[in-house]
Protein backbone atom coordinates (compact mmCIF):
# COMPACT_ATOMS: atom_id res chain seq x y z
CA MET A 1 -3.61 35.82 4.28
CA LYS A 2 -1.54 33.03 4.31
CA LYS A 3 -3.35 30.97 6.50
CA LYS A 4 -6.38 31.46 4.54
CA GLU A 5 -4.73 30.55 1.24
CA ASP A 6 -3.44 27.36 3.18
CA ARG A 7 -6.87 26.80 4.24
CA ARG A 8 -8.23 26.81 0.46
CA VAL A 9 -5.57 24.76 -0.50
CA GLN A 10 -6.34 22.30 1.42
CA TYR A 11 -10.19 22.49 1.00
CA SER A 12 -9.63 21.59 -3.09
CA LYS A 13 -7.70 18.47 -2.32
CA MET A 14 -9.74 17.29 0.35
CA ILE A 15 -12.65 17.81 -1.62
CA LEU A 16 -10.98 16.35 -4.69
CA GLN A 17 -9.58 13.70 -2.39
CA ASP A 18 -13.09 13.15 -1.79
CA THR A 19 -14.68 12.94 -4.84
CA LEU A 20 -12.24 10.63 -6.25
CA LEU A 21 -13.26 8.44 -3.63
CA SER A 22 -16.55 8.50 -4.13
CA LEU A 23 -16.17 8.00 -7.71
CA LEU A 24 -13.62 5.08 -7.42
CA LYS A 25 -16.76 3.21 -6.05
CA ASN A 26 -18.15 2.85 -9.43
CA LYS A 27 -15.19 3.06 -12.01
CA LYS A 28 -11.63 2.12 -12.48
CA LEU A 29 -9.29 5.10 -12.05
CA ASN A 30 -8.19 4.97 -15.56
CA GLU A 31 -12.34 5.50 -16.42
CA ILE A 32 -11.63 8.39 -14.81
CA SER A 33 -11.52 12.32 -16.41
CA VAL A 34 -10.39 15.14 -14.99
CA SER A 35 -13.48 16.62 -16.69
CA GLU A 36 -15.80 14.42 -14.60
CA LEU A 37 -13.75 14.17 -11.42
CA CYS A 38 -14.08 19.08 -11.20
CA ARG A 39 -17.48 18.58 -12.45
CA LYS A 40 -18.72 16.18 -9.21
CA ALA A 41 -16.31 18.13 -7.33
CA GLU A 42 -17.83 21.02 -7.94
CA VAL A 43 -14.15 22.40 -8.68
CA ASN A 44 -12.51 24.25 -12.22
CA ARG A 45 -10.18 22.59 -13.97
CA ASN A 46 -7.91 25.43 -13.07
CA THR A 47 -7.85 24.42 -9.16
CA PHE A 48 -7.98 20.70 -10.02
CA TYR A 49 -4.02 21.61 -12.09
CA ASN A 50 -2.76 23.79 -9.64
CA HIS A 51 -2.93 20.66 -7.08
CA TYR A 52 -2.60 18.00 -10.02
CA SER A 53 -1.95 16.86 -12.74
CA SER A 54 -3.86 13.98 -13.06
CA PRO A 55 -6.72 12.07 -10.75
CA PHE A 56 -3.48 9.04 -10.50
CA GLU A 57 -1.66 11.65 -8.93
CA ILE A 58 -4.50 12.48 -6.25
CA LEU A 59 -5.12 8.59 -5.41
CA HIS A 60 -0.78 8.82 -4.61
CA GLU A 61 -1.31 11.58 -2.89
CA ILE A 62 -3.75 9.53 -1.01
CA GLU A 63 -1.59 6.26 -0.57
CA ASN A 64 0.93 8.26 0.59
CA THR A 65 -1.03 9.67 4.07
CA LEU A 66 -1.86 6.74 5.13
CA PHE A 67 1.93 5.31 3.92
CA GLN A 68 3.02 7.84 6.43
CA GLU A 69 0.77 6.80 8.98
CA LEU A 70 2.09 3.73 9.01
CA ARG A 71 5.49 4.71 9.05
CA LYS A 72 4.33 6.74 12.46
CA GLU A 73 3.22 3.46 13.73
CA VAL A 74 6.44 1.34 12.83
CA LYS A 75 9.03 3.90 13.35
CA ASN A 76 12.56 1.67 13.69
CA ASP A 77 11.00 -1.49 14.24
CA LYS A 78 12.55 -4.15 12.32
CA GLU A 79 10.72 -7.06 13.78
CA LEU A 80 8.34 -8.60 11.27
CA LYS A 81 5.53 -9.44 13.08
CA SER A 82 5.29 -5.88 14.32
CA ILE A 83 5.59 -4.65 11.03
CA ILE A 84 2.97 -6.67 9.45
CA LEU A 85 0.71 -5.92 12.52
CA ALA A 86 0.83 -1.93 12.66
CA SER A 87 0.11 -2.58 8.61
CA CYS A 88 -2.77 -5.03 8.95
CA LYS A 89 -4.76 -2.13 11.75
CA CYS A 90 -3.14 1.02 9.70
CA LEU A 91 -5.45 -0.51 6.90
CA GLU A 92 -8.10 -1.78 9.31
CA ASN A 93 -8.36 1.42 10.50
CA ASN A 94 -9.36 3.19 6.94
CA LYS A 95 -11.76 0.91 6.14
CA LYS A 96 -13.15 3.05 3.79
CA ILE A 97 -10.05 4.27 2.05
CA SER A 98 -8.38 1.02 1.87
CA GLU A 99 -11.50 -0.59 -0.05
CA LEU A 100 -11.10 1.79 -2.25
CA ILE A 101 -7.84 1.94 -3.10
CA PHE A 102 -7.87 -1.90 -2.96
CA SER A 103 -10.67 -2.24 -5.28
CA ASN A 104 -7.96 -0.65 -7.82
CA ILE A 105 -5.34 -2.33 -7.05
CA GLU A 106 -3.54 -2.60 -10.35
CA ASN A 107 -2.84 1.70 -9.89
CA SER A 108 -1.87 1.21 -6.13
CA LYS A 109 1.60 1.30 -4.91
CA LEU A 110 0.71 0.91 -1.13
CA LEU A 111 1.11 -2.54 0.09
CA THR A 112 4.48 -2.20 -2.10
CA LYS A 113 5.75 0.21 -0.43
CA ILE A 114 4.48 -1.22 3.43
CA ILE A 115 5.89 -4.30 2.26
CA ASN A 116 9.44 -2.94 1.02
CA THR A 117 9.68 -1.54 4.47
CA TYR A 118 10.05 -4.96 6.25
CA LYS A 119 12.74 -6.61 3.17
CA THR A 120 14.48 -8.04 6.09
CA LYS A 121 17.66 -8.95 3.68
CA SER A 122 19.54 -7.50 0.85
CA ILE A 123 19.16 -9.51 -2.03
CA GLU A 124 22.93 -8.49 -2.68
CA ASN A 125 24.21 -10.20 0.60
CA TYR A 126 23.23 -13.62 -0.72
CA PRO A 127 26.03 -15.47 -3.14
CA GLN A 128 25.72 -15.15 -6.44
CA LYS A 129 24.32 -18.79 -7.18
CA ALA A 130 21.14 -18.28 -4.54
CA LYS A 131 21.00 -14.01 -5.63
CA PRO A 132 17.96 -15.90 -8.64
CA PHE A 133 16.65 -17.82 -6.08
CA ALA A 134 16.23 -14.96 -3.46
CA GLN A 135 15.05 -12.64 -5.89
CA LEU A 136 12.02 -15.03 -6.36
CA THR A 137 11.68 -16.12 -2.76
CA TYR A 138 11.33 -12.30 -2.41
CA ILE A 139 8.94 -11.38 -5.18
CA PHE A 140 6.98 -14.21 -4.73
CA GLN A 141 6.87 -13.28 -0.61
CA LYS A 142 5.70 -9.65 -1.73
CA LYS A 143 2.62 -10.83 -4.25
CA GLY A 144 1.67 -13.09 -1.49
CA THR A 145 1.53 -11.11 0.72
CA ILE A 146 -0.23 -8.30 -1.13
CA TYR A 147 -3.00 -10.77 -2.86
CA LEU A 148 -3.85 -12.01 1.19
CA MET A 149 -4.28 -8.19 1.88
CA GLN A 150 -6.07 -7.48 -1.16
CA GLU A 151 -8.54 -10.47 -0.47
CA TRP A 152 -8.46 -10.01 3.16
CA ILE A 153 -9.85 -5.80 2.38
CA LYS A 154 -12.24 -7.05 -0.69
CA GLY A 155 -13.71 -9.58 1.93
CA GLY A 156 -15.11 -6.67 3.80
CA PHE A 157 -12.06 -7.06 7.13
CA LYS A 158 -13.93 -10.13 8.22
CA GLN A 159 -10.78 -11.20 10.56
CA PRO A 160 -9.34 -9.29 12.95
CA ALA A 161 -6.29 -7.64 11.85
CA GLU A 162 -4.09 -9.60 14.45
CA GLN A 163 -5.46 -13.03 12.64
CA ILE A 164 -4.83 -12.31 9.15
CA ALA A 165 -1.38 -10.70 10.50
CA GLY A 166 -0.36 -13.76 12.17
CA TYR A 167 -1.59 -15.51 8.75
CA ILE A 168 0.83 -13.44 6.71
CA THR A 169 3.74 -13.78 9.38
CA PHE A 170 3.51 -17.14 10.24
CA LEU A 171 3.58 -17.77 5.73
CA LEU A 172 6.27 -15.42 5.91
CA GLU A 173 8.55 -16.52 8.23
CA SER A 174 7.92 -20.37 6.56
CA ASN A 175 8.81 -18.99 3.53
CA PHE A 176 12.35 -18.01 4.60
CA GLN A 177 12.91 -20.76 7.12
CA SER A 178 12.46 -22.87 3.88
CA PHE A 179 15.04 -20.45 1.94
CA GLU A 180 17.68 -20.98 4.87
CA LEU A 181 17.37 -24.28 4.07
CA TYR A 182 18.12 -24.02 0.65
CA LEU A 183 21.32 -22.08 1.47
CA LYS A 184 22.67 -24.40 3.90
CA LYS A 185 22.27 -27.40 0.88
CA MET A 186 23.51 -25.48 -1.49
CA LYS A 187 26.92 -24.78 1.15
CA GLN A 188 26.85 -28.80 1.70
CA GLU A 189 27.67 -28.96 -2.45
């Protein structure tokens, strides 16, 4: 009996997730009501509320599933290039979901989670004088990476994952080298 309940729960969640992704093709997430989602999924509101509190929660569950898949790929890898490549390949292997999630980027936390996995140096490790610039550098790298990945996804994955990952890695490493030069200059002053 327990397995049937588990299958029903899995089925209900799958239907709600698929329906949400379908609705995201034509609407923004904040325009999708629970009533519309339930009607299109052909489930009642009680079923919806047994599993989720809002359509946003469904999107975050989809993102978390994709993120867990990425984490399996990356495992304990600390090398920036490998992590970015694994991230791009994971997004490319899940094109349909990636395109739909990132069409509503303002609600998506997935890229931020991905980027935070390769935050190689903690800002706290820098001298107090350098911390403000370190924070700005990290924000610049994070936002730039998100934008490049988003544009790549929205552009239909025209470049292979290896190529876009190479571009992003090069830009991040160049930016990091510039930051290191700034730190050396600060020490000389």
